[in-house]
Amino acid sequence: MNTRWLMRMARWAQNPPSWGRVKFVFAIIGICVALYTAERIWGWPDALTPDPVTHRGLKP
């Protein structure tokens, strides 16, 4: 582990983040988990999948 990360962890232990920031981070993680779960259940839409293109710009 890098010394910089150890110093950052020590600073966080002395001055922990506010409860609002902790809730914000957990909300972002929750949104990511919800999106991942929805993608695993219903799959990726075909409209968002790019079409393969060759180097000349022609479809194969």
PDB file of N, CA and C in Angstrom:
ATOM      1  N   MET A   1       0.847  -1.171   0.000  1.00  0.00           N
ATOM      2  CA  MET A   1       0.000   0.000   0.000  1.00  0.00           C
ATOM      3  C   MET A   1       0.896   1.238   0.000  1.00  0.00           C
ATOM      4  N   ASN A   2       0.467   2.231  -0.707  1.00  0.00           N
ATOM      5  CA  ASN A   2       1.227   3.454  -0.852  1.00  0.00           C
ATOM      6  C   ASN A   2       1.161   4.291   0.443  1.00  0.00           C
ATOM      7  N   THR A   3       2.223   4.995   0.740  1.00  0.00           N
ATOM      8  CA  THR A   3       2.268   5.847   1.933  1.00  0.00           C
ATOM      9  C   THR A   3       1.219   6.958   1.854  1.00  0.00           C
ATOM     10  N   ARG A   4       0.945   7.432   0.672  1.00  0.00           N
ATOM     11  CA  ARG A   4      -0.057   8.489   0.497  1.00  0.00           C
ATOM     12  C   ARG A   4      -1.432   8.006   0.950  1.00  0.00           C
ATOM     13  N   TRP A   5      -1.774   6.752   0.629  1.00  0.00           N
ATOM     14  CA  TRP A   5      -3.062   6.213   1.046  1.00  0.00           C
ATOM     15  C   TRP A   5      -3.123   6.048   2.565  1.00  0.00           C
ATOM     16  N   LEU A   6      -2.009   5.651   3.171  1.00  0.00           N
ATOM     17  CA  LEU A   6      -1.985   5.533   4.630  1.00  0.00           C
ATOM     18  C   LEU A   6      -2.197   6.887   5.298  1.00  0.00           C
ATOM     19  N   MET A   7      -1.572   7.924   4.759  1.00  0.00           N
ATOM     20  CA  MET A   7      -1.760   9.266   5.312  1.00  0.00           C
ATOM     21  C   MET A   7      -3.204   9.738   5.126  1.00  0.00           C
ATOM     22  N   ARG A   8      -3.796   9.421   3.984  1.00  0.00           N
ATOM     23  CA  ARG A   8      -5.182   9.815   3.729  1.00  0.00           C
ATOM     24  C   ARG A   8      -6.132   9.098   4.695  1.00  0.00           C
ATOM     25  N   MET A   9      -5.884   7.787   4.935  1.00  0.00           N
ATOM     26  CA  MET A   9      -6.726   7.044   5.882  1.00  0.00           C
ATOM     27  C   MET A   9      -6.588   7.603   7.293  1.00  0.00           C
ATOM     28  N   ALA A  10      -5.373   8.004   7.667  1.00  0.00           N
ATOM     29  CA  ALA A  10      -5.173   8.594   8.995  1.00  0.00           C
ATOM     30  C   ALA A  10      -5.928   9.915   9.112  1.00  0.00           C
ATOM     31  N   ARG A  11      -5.900  10.709   8.061  1.00  0.00           N
ATOM     32  CA  ARG A  11      -6.621  11.983   8.077  1.00  0.00           C
ATOM     33  C   ARG A  11      -8.129  11.760   8.158  1.00  0.00           C
ATOM     34  N   TRP A  12      -8.636  10.746   7.424  1.00  0.00           N
ATOM     35  CA  TRP A  12     -10.071  10.425   7.490  1.00  0.00           C
ATOM     36  C   TRP A  12     -10.458   9.922   8.873  1.00  0.00           C
ATOM     37  N   ALA A  13      -9.554   9.175   9.532  1.00  0.00           N
ATOM     38  CA  ALA A  13      -9.855   8.687  10.881  1.00  0.00           C
ATOM     39  C   ALA A  13      -9.928   9.848  11.867  1.00  0.00           C
ATOM     40  N   GLN A  14      -9.103  10.861  11.680  1.00  0.00           N
ATOM     41  CA  GLN A  14      -9.114  12.013  12.581  1.00  0.00           C
ATOM     42  C   GLN A  14     -10.278  12.950  12.274  1.00  0.00           C
ATOM     43  N   ASN A  15     -10.609  13.122  11.003  1.00  0.00           N
ATOM     44  CA  ASN A  15     -11.694  14.010  10.573  1.00  0.00           C
ATOM     45  C   ASN A  15     -12.625  13.233   9.636  1.00  0.00           C
ATOM     46  N   PRO A  16     -13.545  12.436  10.193  1.00  0.00           N
ATOM     47  CA  PRO A  16     -14.405  11.626   9.333  1.00  0.00           C
ATOM     48  C   PRO A  16     -15.342  12.509   8.504  1.00  0.00           C
ATOM     49  N   PRO A  17     -15.796  11.998   7.353  1.00  0.00           N
ATOM     50  CA  PRO A  17     -16.696  12.784   6.511  1.00  0.00           C
ATOM     51  C   PRO A  17     -18.045  12.997   7.199  1.00  0.00           C
ATOM     52  N   SER A  18     -18.774  14.002   6.754  1.00  0.00           N
ATOM     53  CA  SER A  18     -20.070  14.306   7.351  1.00  0.00           C
ATOM     54  C   SER A  18     -21.082  13.210   7.002  1.00  0.00           C
ATOM     55  N   TRP A  19     -22.167  13.143   7.800  1.00  0.00           N
ATOM     56  CA  TRP A  19     -23.185  12.138   7.580  1.00  0.00           C
ATOM     57  C   TRP A  19     -23.862  12.348   6.224  1.00  0.00           C
ATOM     58  N   GLY A  20     -23.977  13.576   5.778  1.00  0.00           N
ATOM     59  CA  GLY A  20     -24.568  13.844   4.463  1.00  0.00           C
ATOM     60  C   GLY A  20     -23.724  13.278   3.332  1.00  0.00           C
ATOM     61  N   ARG A  21     -22.409  13.392   3.445  1.00  0.00           N
ATOM     62  CA  ARG A  21     -21.523  12.839   2.409  1.00  0.00           C
ATOM     63  C   ARG A  21     -21.568  11.313   2.403  1.00  0.00           C
ATOM     64  N   VAL A  22     -21.654  10.715   3.589  1.00  0.00           N
ATOM     65  CA  VAL A  22     -21.745   9.258   3.673  1.00  0.00           C
ATOM     66  C   VAL A  22     -23.032   8.784   3.012  1.00  0.00           C
ATOM     67  N   LYS A  23     -24.156   9.468   3.280  1.00  0.00           N
ATOM     68  CA  LYS A  23     -25.424   9.105   2.638  1.00  0.00           C
ATOM     69  C   LYS A  23     -25.343   9.279   1.127  1.00  0.00           C
ATOM     70  N   PHE A  24     -24.674  10.335   0.671  1.00  0.00           N
ATOM     71  CA  PHE A  24     -24.522  10.582  -0.759  1.00  0.00           C
ATOM     72  C   PHE A  24     -23.747   9.454  -1.431  1.00  0.00           C
ATOM     73  N   VAL A  25     -22.661   9.027  -0.820  1.00  0.00           N
ATOM     74  CA  VAL A  25     -21.856   7.942  -1.395  1.00  0.00           C
ATOM     75  C   VAL A  25     -22.651   6.649  -1.428  1.00  0.00           C
ATOM     76  N   PHE A  26     -23.374   6.340  -0.352  1.00  0.00           N
ATOM     77  CA  PHE A  26     -24.190   5.122  -0.346  1.00  0.00           C
ATOM     78  C   PHE A  26     -25.315   5.207  -1.370  1.00  0.00           C
ATOM     79  N   ALA A  27     -25.866   6.391  -1.606  1.00  0.00           N
ATOM     80  CA  ALA A  27     -26.899   6.544  -2.631  1.00  0.00           C
ATOM     81  C   ALA A  27     -26.329   6.274  -4.020  1.00  0.00           C
ATOM     82  N   ILE A  28     -25.143   6.773  -4.296  1.00  0.00           N
ATOM     83  CA  ILE A  28     -24.498   6.523  -5.595  1.00  0.00           C
ATOM     84  C   ILE A  28     -24.221   5.034  -5.773  1.00  0.00           C
ATOM     85  N   ILE A  29     -23.721   4.390  -4.720  1.00  0.00           N
ATOM     86  CA  ILE A  29     -23.462   2.952  -4.799  1.00  0.00           C
ATOM     87  C   ILE A  29     -24.767   2.186  -5.009  1.00  0.00           C
ATOM     88  N   GLY A  30     -25.838   2.603  -4.347  1.00  0.00           N
ATOM     89  CA  GLY A  30     -27.144   1.964  -4.522  1.00  0.00           C
ATOM     90  C   GLY A  30     -27.682   2.102  -5.935  1.00  0.00           C
ATOM     91  N   ILE A  31     -27.497   3.276  -6.535  1.00  0.00           N
ATOM     92  CA  ILE A  31     -27.926   3.490  -7.923  1.00  0.00           C
ATOM     93  C   ILE A  31     -27.139   2.589  -8.862  1.00  0.00           C
ATOM     94  N   CYS A  32     -25.843   2.478  -8.635  1.00  0.00           N
ATOM     95  CA  CYS A  32     -25.014   1.609  -9.478  1.00  0.00           C
ATOM     96  C   CYS A  32     -25.439   0.154  -9.356  1.00  0.00           C
ATOM     97  N   VAL A  33     -25.724  -0.294  -8.141  1.00  0.00           N
ATOM     98  CA  VAL A  33     -26.163  -1.676  -7.934  1.00  0.00           C
ATOM     99  C   VAL A  33     -27.517  -1.906  -8.596  1.00  0.00           C
ATOM    100  N   ALA A  34     -28.420  -0.933  -8.505  1.00  0.00           N
ATOM    101  CA  ALA A  34     -29.734  -1.068  -9.141  1.00  0.00           C
ATOM    102  C   ALA A  34     -29.610  -1.146 -10.655  1.00  0.00           C
ATOM    103  N   LEU A  35     -28.749  -0.310 -11.247  1.00  0.00           N
ATOM    104  CA  LEU A  35     -28.548  -0.368 -12.692  1.00  0.00           C
ATOM    105  C   LEU A  35     -27.928  -1.686 -13.124  1.00  0.00           C
ATOM    106  N   TYR A  36     -26.962  -2.178 -12.362  1.00  0.00           N
ATOM    107  CA  TYR A  36     -26.335  -3.462 -12.680  1.00  0.00           C
ATOM    108  C   TYR A  36     -27.363  -4.601 -12.592  1.00  0.00           C
ATOM    109  N   THR A  37     -28.194  -4.576 -11.545  1.00  0.00           N
ATOM    110  CA  THR A  37     -29.206  -5.617 -11.378  1.00  0.00           C
ATOM    111  C   THR A  37     -30.228  -5.576 -12.507  1.00  0.00           C
ATOM    112  N   ALA A  38     -30.677  -4.389 -12.878  1.00  0.00           N
ATOM    113  CA  ALA A  38     -31.639  -4.267 -13.974  1.00  0.00           C
ATOM    114  C   ALA A  38     -31.031  -4.757 -15.287  1.00  0.00           C
ATOM    115  N   GLU A  39     -29.771  -4.459 -15.510  1.00  0.00           N
ATOM    116  CA  GLU A  39     -29.111  -4.916 -16.733  1.00  0.00           C
ATOM    117  C   GLU A  39     -28.981  -6.434 -16.746  1.00  0.00           C
ATOM    118  N   ARG A  40     -28.700  -7.036 -15.601  1.00  0.00           N
ATOM    119  CA  ARG A  40     -28.576  -8.495 -15.538  1.00  0.00           C
ATOM    120  C   ARG A  40     -29.929  -9.181 -15.708  1.00  0.00           C
ATOM    121  N   ILE A  41     -31.017  -8.565 -15.232  1.00  0.00           N
ATOM    122  CA  ILE A  41     -32.349  -9.169 -15.328  1.00  0.00           C
ATOM    123  C   ILE A  41     -32.909  -9.028 -16.741  1.00  0.00           C
ATOM    124  N   TRP A  42     -32.915  -7.807 -17.283  1.00  0.00           N
ATOM    125  CA  TRP A  42     -33.567  -7.560 -18.566  1.00  0.00           C
ATOM    126  C   TRP A  42     -32.598  -7.508 -19.737  1.00  0.00           C
ATOM    127  N   GLY A  43     -31.332  -7.460 -19.494  1.00  0.00           N
ATOM    128  CA  GLY A  43     -30.348  -7.461 -20.568  1.00  0.00           C
ATOM    129  C   GLY A  43     -30.085  -6.074 -21.130  1.00  0.00           C
ATOM    130  N   TRP A  44     -29.127  -6.022 -22.032  1.00  0.00           N
ATOM    131  CA  TRP A  44     -28.724  -4.773 -22.662  1.00  0.00           C
ATOM    132  C   TRP A  44     -29.568  -4.559 -23.907  1.00  0.00           C
ATOM    133  N   PRO A  45     -30.153  -3.364 -24.111  1.00  0.00           N
ATOM    134  CA  PRO A  45     -30.992  -3.138 -25.294  1.00  0.00           C
ATOM    135  C   PRO A  45     -30.168  -3.149 -26.580  1.00  0.00           C
ATOM    136  N   ASP A  46     -30.724  -3.758 -27.618  1.00  0.00           N
ATOM    137  CA  ASP A  46     -30.021  -3.839 -28.890  1.00  0.00           C
ATOM    138  C   ASP A  46     -29.800  -2.459 -29.518  1.00  0.00           C
ATOM    139  N   ALA A  47     -30.676  -1.512 -29.211  1.00  0.00           N
ATOM    140  CA  ALA A  47     -30.539  -0.177 -29.794  1.00  0.00           C
ATOM    141  C   ALA A  47     -29.297   0.547 -29.279  1.00  0.00           C
ATOM    142  N   LEU A  48     -28.787   0.152 -28.126  1.00  0.00           N
ATOM    143  CA  LEU A  48     -27.603   0.805 -27.562  1.00  0.00           C
ATOM    144  C   LEU A  48     -26.302   0.089 -27.900  1.00  0.00           C
ATOM    145  N   THR A  49     -26.385  -1.017 -28.639  1.00  0.00           N
ATOM    146  CA  THR A  49     -25.199  -1.761 -29.031  1.00  0.00           C
ATOM    147  C   THR A  49     -24.697  -1.211 -30.368  1.00  0.00           C
ATOM    148  N   PRO A  50     -23.443  -0.775 -30.450  1.00  0.00           N
ATOM    149  CA  PRO A  50     -22.941  -0.225 -31.719  1.00  0.00           C
ATOM    150  C   PRO A  50     -22.777  -1.327 -32.768  1.00  0.00           C
ATOM    151  N   ASP A  51     -23.002  -0.950 -34.018  1.00  0.00           N
ATOM    152  CA  ASP A  51     -22.820  -1.875 -35.132  1.00  0.00           C
ATOM    153  C   ASP A  51     -21.340  -1.990 -35.448  1.00  0.00           C
ATOM    154  N   PRO A  52     -20.846  -3.198 -35.752  1.00  0.00           N
ATOM    155  CA  PRO A  52     -19.432  -3.347 -36.121  1.00  0.00           C
ATOM    156  C   PRO A  52     -19.164  -2.668 -37.461  1.00  0.00           C
ATOM    157  N   VAL A  53     -18.054  -1.947 -37.546  1.00  0.00           N
ATOM    158  CA  VAL A  53     -17.672  -1.231 -38.752  1.00  0.00           C
ATOM    159  C   VAL A  53     -16.235  -1.600 -39.076  1.00  0.00           C
ATOM    160  N   THR A  54     -15.949  -1.821 -40.357  1.00  0.00           N
ATOM    161  CA  THR A  54     -14.581  -2.136 -40.765  1.00  0.00           C
ATOM    162  C   THR A  54     -13.760  -0.848 -40.828  1.00  0.00           C
ATOM    163  N   HIS A  55     -12.489  -0.982 -41.184  1.00  0.00           N
ATOM    164  CA  HIS A  55     -11.587   0.170 -41.221  1.00  0.00           C
ATOM    165  C   HIS A  55     -11.947   1.154 -42.331  1.00  0.00           C
ATOM    166  N   ARG A  56     -12.591   0.695 -43.373  1.00  0.00           N
ATOM    167  CA  ARG A  56     -12.986   1.590 -44.464  1.00  0.00           C
ATOM    168  C   ARG A  56     -14.342   2.228 -44.231  1.00  0.00           C
ATOM    169  N   GLY A  57     -14.985   1.901 -43.141  1.00  0.00           N
ATOM    170  CA  GLY A  57     -16.277   2.491 -42.846  1.00  0.00           C
ATOM    171  C   GLY A  57     -17.425   1.723 -43.485  1.00  0.00           C
ATOM    172  N   LEU A  58     -17.158   0.525 -44.003  1.00  0.00           N
ATOM    173  CA  LEU A  58     -18.193  -0.294 -44.593  1.00  0.00           C
ATOM    174  C   LEU A  58     -18.586  -1.400 -43.640  1.00  0.00           C
ATOM    175  N   LYS A  59     -19.866  -1.745 -43.635  1.00  0.00           N
ATOM    176  CA  LYS A  59     -20.302  -2.827 -42.785  1.00  0.00           C
ATOM    177  C   LYS A  59     -19.864  -4.156 -43.379  1.00  0.00           C
ATOM    178  N   PRO A  60     -19.534  -5.115 -42.548  1.00  0.00           N
ATOM    179  CA  PRO A  60     -19.070  -6.412 -43.051  1.00  0.00           C
ATOM    180  C   PRO A  60     -20.170  -7.213 -43.719  1.00  0.00           C
TER     181      PRO A  60
END
